[in-house]
N, C-alpha and C. Protein backbone atom coordinates (compact mmCIF):
# COMPACT_ATOMS: atom_id res chain seq x y z
N MET A 1 27.08 5.22 -0.39
CA MET A 1 25.91 5.95 -0.64
C MET A 1 26.53 7.04 -1.22
N PRO A 2 26.15 7.74 -1.88
CA PRO A 2 26.55 8.40 -3.53
C PRO A 2 26.22 9.61 -1.89
N LEU A 3 26.80 10.16 -2.82
CA LEU A 3 27.19 12.05 -1.74
C LEU A 3 25.47 12.88 -2.02
N PHE A 4 25.19 13.23 -3.17
CA PHE A 4 24.08 13.49 -4.03
C PHE A 4 22.89 11.90 -4.16
N GLY A 5 21.15 12.51 -3.53
CA GLY A 5 20.29 11.54 -4.00
C GLY A 5 19.77 10.65 -5.80
N PHE A 6 20.83 11.53 -6.85
CA PHE A 6 20.84 11.18 -8.13
C PHE A 6 21.00 9.06 -8.35
N GLY A 7 19.81 9.27 -9.61
CA GLY A 7 19.93 7.55 -9.82
C GLY A 7 18.45 7.07 -8.94
N SER A 8 18.58 5.36 -9.31
CA SER A 8 17.84 5.27 -8.20
C SER A 8 17.90 4.61 -7.34
N LYS A 9 16.83 3.97 -6.37
CA LYS A 9 16.80 3.34 -5.47
C LYS A 9 16.17 2.28 -5.17
N LYS A 10 16.12 1.74 -6.95
CA LYS A 10 15.72 0.15 -6.80
C LYS A 10 17.02 -0.33 -6.15
N LYS A 11 17.81 -1.03 -5.77
CA LYS A 11 19.05 -1.64 -4.64
C LYS A 11 17.82 -1.50 -3.30
N LYS A 12 17.81 -0.43 -2.94
CA LYS A 12 17.77 0.17 -2.08
C LYS A 12 16.01 -0.44 -2.01
N VAL A 13 15.09 -0.28 -2.82
CA VAL A 13 13.64 -1.07 -2.66
C VAL A 13 13.15 -1.87 -2.37
N ARG A 14 14.34 -2.82 -3.28
CA ARG A 14 15.00 -4.65 -3.47
C ARG A 14 15.02 -4.84 -2.47
N GLU A 15 16.33 -4.22 -1.45
CA GLU A 15 16.59 -5.06 -0.18
C GLU A 15 15.50 -5.17 0.86
N MET A 16 14.87 -3.62 0.92
CA MET A 16 13.50 -3.78 2.00
C MET A 16 12.28 -4.51 1.44
N LEU A 17 12.44 -5.68 0.16
CA LEU A 17 10.99 -5.66 -0.01
C LEU A 17 11.96 -7.68 0.55
N GLU A 18 12.73 -7.56 0.54
CA GLU A 18 13.53 -8.73 0.55
C GLU A 18 13.88 -8.96 1.92
N ASN A 19 13.83 -8.52 2.86
CA ASN A 19 13.85 -8.06 4.31
C ASN A 19 12.46 -7.67 5.16
N GLY A 20 11.52 -7.78 3.69
CA GLY A 20 9.68 -8.00 4.34
C GLY A 20 9.37 -7.05 5.43
N GLN A 21 10.10 -5.48 4.91
CA GLN A 21 9.97 -4.19 5.55
C GLN A 21 8.99 -3.06 4.68
N PHE A 22 8.29 -3.91 4.68
CA PHE A 22 6.94 -2.94 4.08
C PHE A 22 5.91 -2.07 4.76
N ASP A 23 5.83 -2.31 5.46
CA ASP A 23 5.46 -0.82 6.15
C ASP A 23 6.56 0.41 5.92
N LEU A 24 7.00 -0.05 6.65
CA LEU A 24 8.82 0.73 6.02
C LEU A 24 8.90 1.76 4.67
N LEU A 25 8.04 0.42 3.50
CA LEU A 25 8.48 1.41 2.84
C LEU A 25 7.56 2.21 2.34
N VAL A 26 6.14 1.44 2.47
CA VAL A 26 5.55 2.05 2.12
C VAL A 26 5.19 4.03 2.92
N GLN A 27 5.67 3.84 4.25
CA GLN A 27 5.66 5.08 4.57
C GLN A 27 6.95 6.11 3.50
N GLU A 28 7.64 5.24 2.77
CA GLU A 28 8.78 5.96 2.22
C GLU A 28 8.74 6.03 0.91
N ALA A 29 7.67 5.14 0.14
CA ALA A 29 7.22 5.74 -0.91
C ALA A 29 6.03 6.90 -0.79
N LEU A 30 5.51 6.36 0.11
CA LEU A 30 4.49 8.11 0.51
C LEU A 30 4.80 9.48 0.05
N LYS A 31 6.29 9.48 0.77
CA LYS A 31 7.12 11.05 1.00
C LYS A 31 8.03 10.77 -0.07
N ASP A 32 8.49 10.16 -1.08
CA ASP A 32 10.21 10.10 -1.86
C ASP A 32 9.64 9.25 -3.39
N LYS A 33 9.55 10.43 -3.94
CA LYS A 33 9.20 9.38 -5.52
C LYS A 33 10.06 8.90 -5.99
N LYS A 34 11.00 8.68 -6.03
CA LYS A 34 12.18 7.90 -5.68
C LYS A 34 11.46 6.65 -5.69
N THR A 35 11.55 6.53 -4.07
CA THR A 35 10.86 5.54 -4.33
C THR A 35 9.90 5.12 -4.52
N MET A 36 9.12 5.84 -5.20
CA MET A 36 7.88 5.42 -5.76
C MET A 36 8.22 4.64 -7.02
N ARG A 37 8.86 5.46 -7.17
CA ARG A 37 9.34 4.74 -9.17
C ARG A 37 10.24 3.41 -9.08
N ALA A 38 11.47 3.43 -7.82
CA ALA A 38 11.42 1.91 -7.29
C ALA A 38 10.43 0.93 -8.25
N LEU A 39 9.49 0.97 -7.30
CA LEU A 39 8.46 0.25 -7.01
C LEU A 39 8.73 -0.45 -8.75
N PHE A 40 8.17 0.77 -9.25
CA PHE A 40 6.98 0.67 -10.48
C PHE A 40 9.06 -0.46 -11.74
N GLU A 41 9.65 -0.15 -11.27
CA GLU A 41 10.58 -0.27 -11.74
C GLU A 41 11.43 -2.25 -11.42
N LEU A 42 10.95 -2.47 -9.95
CA LEU A 42 10.94 -3.37 -9.53
C LEU A 42 9.78 -4.60 -10.04
N LEU A 43 8.78 -4.34 -10.72
CA LEU A 43 7.48 -5.07 -11.30
C LEU A 43 8.64 -5.81 -12.50
N ASP A 44 9.81 -5.30 -13.38
CA ASP A 44 9.97 -5.83 -14.55
C ASP A 44 11.45 -6.61 -13.96
N ASP A 45 11.32 -7.39 -12.27
CA ASP A 45 12.63 -7.92 -11.81
C ASP A 45 12.23 -9.36 -12.35
N GLN A 46 13.35 -10.06 -12.23
CA GLN A 46 12.62 -11.62 -12.45
C GLN A 46 12.91 -12.24 -11.80
N ASN A 47 12.54 -12.70 -10.30
CA ASN A 47 12.55 -13.10 -9.67
C ASN A 47 11.15 -13.09 -8.94
N PRO A 48 10.01 -13.87 -8.97
CA PRO A 48 8.67 -13.37 -8.89
C PRO A 48 8.23 -12.91 -7.89
N GLY A 49 9.15 -13.13 -6.79
CA GLY A 49 8.69 -13.02 -5.50
C GLY A 49 8.73 -11.40 -5.34
N ILE A 50 10.28 -10.75 -5.88
CA ILE A 50 9.94 -9.04 -5.80
C ILE A 50 8.97 -8.59 -6.19
N VAL A 51 8.16 -9.44 -7.75
CA VAL A 51 7.02 -9.22 -8.45
C VAL A 51 6.02 -8.37 -7.94
N GLY A 52 6.28 -9.60 -7.07
CA GLY A 52 4.44 -9.94 -6.04
C GLY A 52 5.21 -9.07 -4.78
N ASP A 53 5.63 -8.76 -4.37
CA ASP A 53 6.14 -8.10 -3.27
C ASP A 53 5.86 -6.31 -3.28
N ALA A 54 6.62 -6.11 -4.81
CA ALA A 54 6.20 -4.73 -5.65
C ALA A 54 5.17 -4.55 -5.63
N LEU A 55 4.38 -5.90 -6.30
CA LEU A 55 2.39 -5.48 -6.02
C LEU A 55 1.63 -5.54 -4.92
N LEU A 56 2.22 -5.97 -3.51
CA LEU A 56 1.64 -6.38 -2.75
C LEU A 56 2.07 -4.04 -2.00
N THR A 57 3.18 -3.85 -2.31
CA THR A 57 3.78 -3.35 -1.60
C THR A 57 2.70 -1.68 -2.11
N ILE A 58 2.42 -1.85 -3.57
CA ILE A 58 1.66 -0.61 -4.11
C ILE A 58 0.38 -0.84 -3.68
N THR A 59 0.21 -1.93 -3.70
CA THR A 59 -1.75 -1.87 -3.13
C THR A 59 -1.37 -1.56 -1.64
N GLN A 60 -0.47 -1.60 -0.91
CA GLN A 60 -0.78 -1.07 0.77
C GLN A 60 -1.05 0.59 0.36
N ILE A 61 -0.15 0.74 -0.57
CA ILE A 61 0.32 2.74 -0.98
C ILE A 61 -1.31 3.37 -1.37
N LEU A 62 -1.87 2.45 -1.86
CA LEU A 62 -2.85 2.77 -2.28
C LEU A 62 -4.02 2.61 -1.10
N GLU A 63 -3.86 1.58 -0.55
CA GLU A 63 -4.80 1.29 1.01
C GLU A 63 -4.27 3.25 2.23
N THR A 64 -3.20 3.13 1.72
CA THR A 64 -2.81 4.20 2.89
C THR A 64 -2.93 5.75 2.17
N ASP A 65 -2.96 5.57 0.70
CA ASP A 65 -3.16 7.11 0.47
C ASP A 65 -3.29 7.43 -1.31
N LYS A 66 -4.84 7.12 -1.60
CA LYS A 66 -5.01 6.65 -3.07
C LYS A 66 -3.98 7.98 -4.03
N ASN A 67 -3.98 9.02 -3.22
CA ASN A 67 -4.24 10.67 -4.57
C ASN A 67 -2.43 10.27 -4.70
N VAL A 68 -1.51 9.79 -3.67
CA VAL A 68 -0.53 9.72 -3.99
C VAL A 68 -0.09 8.71 -5.44
N LEU A 69 -0.06 7.50 -5.62
CA LEU A 69 -0.32 6.74 -6.13
C LEU A 69 -0.70 7.58 -7.73
N LYS A 70 -2.37 7.94 -7.75
CA LYS A 70 -2.64 8.35 -8.97
C LYS A 70 -1.65 8.82 -10.12
N GLU A 71 0.02 9.73 -9.48
CA GLU A 71 0.04 10.26 -11.00
C GLU A 71 1.40 9.09 -11.38
N TYR A 72 1.63 8.26 -10.98
CA TYR A 72 1.69 6.99 -11.12
C TYR A 72 0.87 5.93 -12.45
N ILE A 73 -0.28 6.36 -12.53
CA ILE A 73 -0.97 5.19 -12.97
C ILE A 73 -1.48 6.31 -14.61
N ASN A 74 -0.46 5.64 -15.53
CA ASN A 74 -1.14 6.40 -17.00
C ASN A 74 -1.60 5.63 -17.42
N GLU A 75 -1.64 5.61 -19.01
CA GLU A 75 -1.77 3.81 -19.49
C GLU A 75 -0.75 3.28 -19.54
N GLU A 76 0.08 2.86 -19.99
CA GLU A 76 1.09 1.40 -20.15
C GLU A 76 1.26 1.36 -19.09
N SER A 77 1.36 1.91 -17.46
CA SER A 77 1.44 1.14 -15.79
C SER A 77 -0.01 0.98 -15.69
N PHE A 78 -0.68 1.36 -16.15
CA PHE A 78 -2.65 0.60 -15.98
C PHE A 78 -2.26 -0.68 -16.87
N LYS A 79 -2.22 -0.47 -17.98
CA LYS A 79 -1.80 -1.95 -18.55
C LYS A 79 -1.32 -2.72 -17.97
N LYS A 80 -0.16 -2.44 -17.67
CA LYS A 80 0.47 -3.17 -16.82
C LYS A 80 0.55 -4.12 -16.43
N LEU A 81 0.15 -3.38 -14.85
CA LEU A 81 -0.91 -4.10 -13.59
C LEU A 81 -1.62 -4.61 -13.56
N MET A 82 -2.53 -4.40 -14.35
CA MET A 82 -3.40 -5.42 -14.64
C MET A 82 -3.41 -6.53 -15.43
N ASN A 83 -2.62 -6.28 -16.35
CA ASN A 83 -2.31 -7.59 -17.10
C ASN A 83 -1.51 -9.03 -16.02
N PHE A 84 -0.82 -8.07 -14.92
CA PHE A 84 -0.64 -9.07 -14.37
C PHE A 84 -1.25 -10.15 -13.38
N VAL A 85 -2.19 -9.92 -13.60
CA VAL A 85 -3.82 -10.96 -13.32
C VAL A 85 -3.10 -12.21 -14.28
N HIS A 86 -2.73 -12.13 -15.45
CA HIS A 86 -2.71 -13.00 -16.27
C HIS A 86 -1.47 -14.43 -15.47
N SER A 87 -0.59 -13.20 -14.89
CA SER A 87 0.53 -14.67 -14.49
C SER A 87 0.34 -16.02 -14.33
N ARG A 88 1.05 -16.44 -14.37
CA ARG A 88 1.08 -18.17 -13.84
C ARG A 88 1.73 -18.12 -12.75
N ASN A 89 1.71 -17.32 -11.86
CA ASN A 89 2.94 -17.20 -10.84
C ASN A 89 1.47 -17.00 -9.91
N PRO A 90 1.49 -17.89 -9.16
CA PRO A 90 0.15 -17.72 -8.09
C PRO A 90 0.03 -16.59 -7.03
N TYR A 91 1.18 -16.11 -6.72
CA TYR A 91 1.99 -14.72 -5.97
C TYR A 91 1.43 -13.78 -6.48
N ILE A 92 2.17 -13.42 -7.73
CA ILE A 92 2.12 -12.46 -8.23
C ILE A 92 0.66 -11.44 -8.97
N ARG A 93 -0.29 -13.04 -9.44
CA ARG A 93 -1.72 -13.12 -9.58
C ARG A 93 -2.72 -13.11 -8.56
N GLU A 94 -2.62 -13.28 -7.16
CA GLU A 94 -3.58 -12.65 -6.55
C GLU A 94 -3.12 -11.33 -5.90
N ASN A 95 -1.50 -11.08 -5.86
CA ASN A 95 -1.77 -9.80 -5.51
C ASN A 95 -2.08 -8.71 -6.37
N ALA A 96 -1.55 -8.61 -7.61
CA ALA A 96 -2.19 -8.37 -8.66
C ALA A 96 -4.13 -8.08 -8.66
N MET A 97 -4.49 -9.43 -8.70
CA MET A 97 -6.00 -8.97 -8.26
C MET A 97 -6.72 -7.91 -6.97
N MET A 98 -5.91 -8.10 -6.21
CA MET A 98 -5.99 -7.57 -5.72
C MET A 98 -5.81 -5.65 -5.50
N LEU A 99 -4.61 -5.41 -6.54
CA LEU A 99 -4.16 -4.08 -6.44
C LEU A 99 -5.22 -3.60 -8.17
N ALA A 100 -5.80 -4.36 -8.83
CA ALA A 100 -6.96 -4.12 -9.87
C ALA A 100 -7.69 -3.74 -8.95
N TYR A 101 -8.09 -5.02 -8.88
CA TYR A 101 -10.00 -4.55 -7.37
C TYR A 101 -9.49 -3.67 -7.12
N GLY A 102 -8.24 -2.70 -6.14
CA GLY A 102 -8.06 -1.49 -5.76
C GLY A 102 -8.55 -0.71 -6.68
N LEU A 103 -7.37 -0.67 -8.08
CA LEU A 103 -7.11 0.30 -8.53
C LEU A 103 -9.42 1.00 -9.14
N ILE A 104 -8.91 -0.39 -9.24
CA ILE A 104 -11.12 0.12 -10.07
C ILE A 104 -11.79 0.76 -9.29
N LYS A 105 -12.19 0.59 -7.68
CA LYS A 105 -12.98 1.02 -6.82
C LYS A 105 -11.83 2.57 -6.65
N GLU A 106 -11.09 2.27 -6.51
CA GLU A 106 -10.72 4.27 -6.05
C GLU A 106 -10.09 5.05 -7.64
N TYR A 107 -10.12 4.40 -9.08
CA TYR A 107 -9.82 5.77 -9.68
C TYR A 107 -11.14 5.79 -10.76
N PRO A 108 -12.45 5.68 -10.76
CA PRO A 108 -12.84 5.64 -11.50
C PRO A 108 -12.95 6.46 -12.82
N GLU A 109 -12.64 7.42 -12.86
CA GLU A 109 -12.23 8.26 -14.10
C GLU A 109 -11.18 6.99 -14.56
N ILE A 110 -10.30 6.79 -14.04
CA ILE A 110 -8.85 6.16 -14.91
C ILE A 110 -9.18 4.48 -15.87
N VAL A 111 -9.95 4.59 -14.77
CA VAL A 111 -10.82 2.83 -15.36
C VAL A 111 -12.07 3.35 -16.81
N GLY A 112 -12.67 4.51 -16.56
CA GLY A 112 -13.43 4.94 -17.65
C GLY A 112 -13.09 5.37 -18.68
N ARG A 113 -11.30 5.95 -18.63
CA ARG A 113 -10.55 6.31 -19.36
C ARG A 113 -10.04 5.30 -20.87
N TYR A 114 -9.98 4.23 -20.23
CA TYR A 114 -9.29 2.65 -20.44
C TYR A 114 -10.42 1.96 -20.74
N ARG A 115 -11.57 1.77 -20.09
CA ARG A 115 -13.09 0.99 -20.11
C ARG A 115 -13.00 -0.13 -22.16
N GLY A 116 -13.10 -0.03 -22.84
CA GLY A 116 -13.06 -0.18 -24.32
C GLY A 116 -11.71 -1.32 -23.86
N TRP A 117 -10.66 -0.90 -23.70
CA TRP A 117 -9.14 -2.11 -23.02
C TRP A 117 -10.23 -3.55 -23.21
N ILE A 118 -10.35 -2.89 -21.63
CA ILE A 118 -11.08 -3.37 -20.13
C ILE A 118 -11.54 -4.45 -20.69
N VAL A 119 -13.12 -3.95 -21.46
CA VAL A 119 -14.04 -5.11 -22.20
C VAL A 119 -13.36 -5.88 -22.56
N GLU A 120 -12.30 -5.42 -23.80
CA GLU A 120 -11.84 -6.88 -24.91
C GLU A 120 -10.98 -7.40 -24.09
N GLU A 121 -9.95 -7.34 -23.44
CA GLU A 121 -9.35 -7.76 -21.96
C GLU A 121 -10.44 -8.86 -21.76
N ILE A 122 -11.12 -8.32 -21.11
CA ILE A 122 -11.70 -9.10 -20.15
C ILE A 122 -12.76 -10.37 -21.11
N LYS A 123 -13.04 -10.36 -22.50
CA LYS A 123 -13.49 -10.93 -23.40
C LYS A 123 -12.62 -12.10 -23.11
N LYS A 124 -11.32 -11.80 -23.38
CA LYS A 124 -10.37 -12.88 -23.66
C LYS A 124 -10.08 -13.35 -23.26
N SER A 125 -9.99 -13.01 -21.88
CA SER A 125 -9.85 -13.83 -20.51
C SER A 125 -10.73 -15.19 -20.27
N LEU A 126 -11.85 -14.71 -20.28
CA LEU A 126 -13.38 -15.29 -20.51
C LEU A 126 -13.70 -16.45 -21.06
N ARG A 127 -12.54 -16.25 -22.25
CA ARG A 127 -12.98 -17.55 -23.26
C ARG A 127 -11.66 -18.13 -22.80
N GLU A 128 -10.27 -17.60 -22.31
CA GLU A 128 -9.36 -18.57 -22.20
C GLU A 128 -8.32 -18.63 -20.70
N GLY A 129 -8.91 -17.50 -20.29
CA GLY A 129 -8.24 -17.57 -18.69
C GLY A 129 -8.84 -18.75 -17.59
N THR A 130 -7.48 -19.14 -16.49
CA THR A 130 -8.16 -20.07 -15.30
C THR A 130 -9.31 -20.01 -15.16
N LYS A 131 -9.83 -20.93 -14.05
CA LYS A 131 -11.09 -20.73 -13.82
C LYS A 131 -10.95 -19.44 -12.44
N ASP A 132 -9.61 -19.49 -12.00
CA ASP A 132 -9.83 -17.82 -10.71
C ASP A 132 -9.39 -16.82 -11.73
N GLN A 133 -9.28 -17.04 -12.65
CA GLN A 133 -9.44 -15.56 -13.42
C GLN A 133 -10.41 -15.14 -13.90
N LYS A 134 -11.03 -16.69 -14.23
CA LYS A 134 -12.55 -15.90 -14.87
C LYS A 134 -13.95 -15.59 -13.02
N GLY A 135 -13.34 -15.97 -11.87
CA GLY A 135 -13.73 -15.35 -11.09
C GLY A 135 -13.95 -14.15 -10.69
N PHE A 136 -12.37 -14.10 -10.86
CA PHE A 136 -12.13 -12.37 -10.60
C PHE A 136 -12.76 -11.62 -11.92
N LEU A 137 -12.70 -11.84 -12.33
CA LEU A 137 -13.21 -10.66 -14.19
C LEU A 137 -14.23 -10.62 -13.80
N LEU A 138 -14.84 -11.78 -13.23
CA LEU A 138 -16.80 -11.83 -12.63
C LEU A 138 -17.04 -10.40 -11.51
N VAL A 139 -15.93 -10.41 -10.49
CA VAL A 139 -16.24 -9.59 -9.75
C VAL A 139 -15.56 -8.45 -10.55
N VAL A 140 -14.88 -8.30 -11.34
CA VAL A 140 -14.59 -7.39 -11.90
C VAL A 140 -16.26 -6.65 -12.58
N ILE A 141 -16.14 -7.09 -13.11
CA ILE A 141 -17.59 -6.59 -14.24
C ILE A 141 -19.32 -6.14 -13.87
N GLY A 142 -18.99 -7.02 -11.80
CA GLY A 142 -19.96 -6.10 -11.20
C GLY A 142 -19.68 -5.59 -10.83
N GLU A 143 -18.09 -4.94 -11.03
CA GLU A 143 -17.97 -3.92 -10.19
C GLU A 143 -17.90 -2.49 -10.93
N LEU A 144 -17.74 -2.25 -12.04
CA LEU A 144 -17.90 -2.27 -13.64
C LEU A 144 -18.78 -1.77 -13.96
N GLY A 145 -20.29 -2.54 -13.93
CA GLY A 145 -21.53 -2.52 -14.27
C GLY A 145 -21.52 -2.91 -15.65
N LEU A 146 -20.52 -3.86 -15.99
CA LEU A 146 -19.73 -4.25 -17.71
C LEU A 146 -21.55 -4.54 -18.26
N ARG A 147 -22.63 -3.80 -18.75
CA ARG A 147 -23.87 -5.27 -18.79
C ARG A 147 -24.16 -5.11 -20.77
N GLU A 148 -22.25 -5.27 -21.07
CA GLU A 148 -22.28 -5.93 -22.67
C GLU A 148 -21.51 -7.24 -22.40
N LEU A 149 -21.21 -7.29 -21.17
CA LEU A 149 -20.43 -8.78 -20.92
C LEU A 149 -21.71 -9.51 -20.61
N LYS A 150 -22.91 -9.81 -20.48
CA LYS A 150 -23.76 -9.85 -19.75
C LYS A 150 -24.01 -11.56 -20.57
N PRO A 151 -23.78 -11.45 -21.61
CA PRO A 151 -24.01 -13.10 -22.72
C PRO A 151 -22.88 -13.61 -21.47
N LEU A 152 -21.17 -13.46 -22.04
CA LEU A 152 -20.64 -14.13 -21.86
C LEU A 152 -21.15 -14.48 -19.96
N VAL A 153 -21.31 -13.85 -18.83
CA VAL A 153 -21.59 -14.10 -17.39
C VAL A 153 -22.53 -15.44 -18.11
N GLU A 154 -23.14 -15.37 -18.56
CA GLU A 154 -24.21 -16.33 -17.88
C GLU A 154 -23.99 -17.75 -18.64
N GLU A 155 -23.28 -17.95 -19.63
CA GLU A 155 -22.20 -19.09 -19.63
C GLU A 155 -21.39 -19.70 -18.77
N LEU A 156 -21.23 -18.63 -18.16
CA LEU A 156 -20.50 -19.53 -16.62
C LEU A 156 -21.44 -19.62 -15.54
N VAL A 157 -22.82 -19.88 -15.36
CA VAL A 157 -23.71 -19.36 -14.44
C VAL A 157 -23.89 -20.89 -13.55
N ASN A 158 -23.86 -22.07 -14.29
CA ASN A 158 -23.88 -23.42 -14.11
C ASN A 158 -22.31 -24.07 -13.92
N VAL A 159 -21.37 -23.35 -14.00
CA VAL A 159 -20.32 -23.96 -13.89
C VAL A 159 -19.93 -24.25 -12.31
N GLU A 160 -19.85 -25.62 -12.18
CA GLU A 160 -19.71 -25.69 -10.45
C GLU A 160 -17.93 -25.71 -9.46
N ASP A 161 -17.31 -25.19 -11.14
CA ASP A 161 -15.97 -25.41 -10.49
C ASP A 161 -15.21 -24.74 -9.13
N LYS A 162 -14.80 -24.97 -8.07
CA LYS A 162 -14.68 -23.85 -7.70
C LYS A 162 -13.52 -23.29 -7.31
N VAL A 163 -13.31 -21.63 -7.49
CA VAL A 163 -12.41 -20.85 -6.82
C VAL A 163 -12.11 -20.68 -6.22
N VAL A 164 -10.15 -20.24 -5.90
CA VAL A 164 -9.98 -19.47 -4.55
C VAL A 164 -9.71 -17.90 -5.18
N LEU A 165 -10.49 -16.54 -4.92
CA LEU A 165 -10.16 -15.24 -5.28
C LEU A 165 -9.36 -14.43 -3.68
N PRO A 166 -8.60 -13.89 -3.80
CA PRO A 166 -7.74 -13.26 -2.46
C PRO A 166 -8.77 -11.63 -1.82
N PHE A 167 -9.94 -12.43 -2.14
CA PHE A 167 -11.13 -11.24 -1.09
C PHE A 167 -11.51 -11.97 0.60
N GLU A 168 -12.23 -11.48 0.88
CA GLU A 168 -12.77 -12.05 2.22
C GLU A 168 -14.01 -12.95 1.53
N GLY A 169 -14.04 -13.78 2.21
CA GLY A 169 -15.72 -14.85 2.45
C GLY A 169 -15.42 -14.91 0.17
N LYS A 170 -14.06 -14.99 -0.37
CA LYS A 170 -14.45 -15.24 -2.01
C LYS A 170 -13.97 -16.74 -2.03
N LYS A 171 -13.20 -17.89 -1.03
CA LYS A 171 -12.38 -18.57 -1.26
C LYS A 171 -13.19 -20.13 -1.08
N TRP A 172 -12.92 -21.34 -2.23
CA TRP A 172 -13.58 -22.19 -2.99
C TRP A 172 -14.98 -22.00 -3.18
N ILE A 173 -15.60 -21.15 -3.62
CA ILE A 173 -16.71 -21.08 -4.24
C ILE A 173 -16.60 -21.66 -5.48
N PRO A 174 -18.18 -21.78 -5.99
CA PRO A 174 -18.24 -22.40 -7.29
C PRO A 174 -18.14 -20.86 -8.19
N LEU A 175 -17.24 -21.20 -9.28
CA LEU A 175 -17.76 -19.92 -10.21
C LEU A 175 -19.15 -19.74 -10.97
N GLY A 176 -20.06 -20.68 -10.83
CA GLY A 176 -21.37 -20.01 -11.75
C GLY A 176 -22.08 -19.82 -10.18
N GLN A 177 -21.80 -19.95 -8.79
CA GLN A 177 -22.16 -18.40 -7.92
C GLN A 177 -21.49 -17.29 -7.79
N ILE A 178 -20.43 -17.01 -8.50
CA ILE A 178 -19.95 -16.10 -8.73
C ILE A 178 -20.51 -14.94 -9.70
N ALA A 179 -20.86 -15.82 -10.64
CA ALA A 179 -21.62 -15.59 -11.97
C ALA A 179 -23.19 -15.23 -11.77
N ARG A 180 -23.57 -16.01 -10.96
CA ARG A 180 -25.28 -15.43 -10.75
C ARG A 180 -24.94 -14.21 -9.90
N GLU A 181 -24.53 -13.94 -8.66
CA GLU A 181 -24.24 -12.34 -7.66
C GLU A 181 -23.21 -11.03 -8.98
N THR A 182 -22.84 -11.83 -10.19
CA THR A 182 -22.14 -10.72 -11.79
C THR A 182 -23.79 -10.79 -11.88
N LEU A 183 -24.55 -11.64 -11.87
CA LEU A 183 -25.80 -11.12 -12.94
C LEU A 183 -26.36 -9.99 -12.76
N GLU A 184 -26.70 -10.27 -10.84
CA GLU A 184 -27.34 -9.18 -9.97
C GLU A 184 -27.28 -8.16 -9.65
N ARG A 185 -25.97 -7.58 -10.00
CA ARG A 185 -25.49 -6.51 -10.16
C ARG A 185 -25.58 -5.84 -11.62
N ILE A 186 -25.12 -6.68 -12.90
CA ILE A 186 -25.15 -6.09 -13.48
C ILE A 186 -27.06 -5.64 -14.34
N SER A 187 -28.21 -6.60 -13.54
CA SER A 187 -29.04 -6.65 -14.20
C SER A 187 -30.05 -5.65 -14.01
């Protein structure tokens, strides 16, 4: 341990993630900017488990004190966090969905800033994404009231493929049912 607290805490934070010390890490990140920065640095880790755990921890920080996380959300970090929803790794993708949904609910002013980008990303993903990704995006469309995407939502109303979303009550639901619920919210 160095005499002075310079440099990154990435190694320490990584070890905490590997040891499942999420609660302790959340408390430390709430008080220490270096710990928070290390969490964001670990989003580039080669180990998908570490990336997923970092996303999970950031979500827990958001749920504990949304004001602490806000200063770390700029255009680059916002887009990076949102893009994890497209990960092939289910652990990363599920934790990214939870975090993305939390960011959307807690920071409407940030979402408003990037609305155009969000709409374009959703359009692309509704055409190319997996059924689970489409299900998540339908929830986002409803949450954000993206009426301009109504024609794309309508295309999914009759899809009976079941999706699994990381939300309470959203496991093994037909994609069409989520599309119908979304249409109710945006109509």
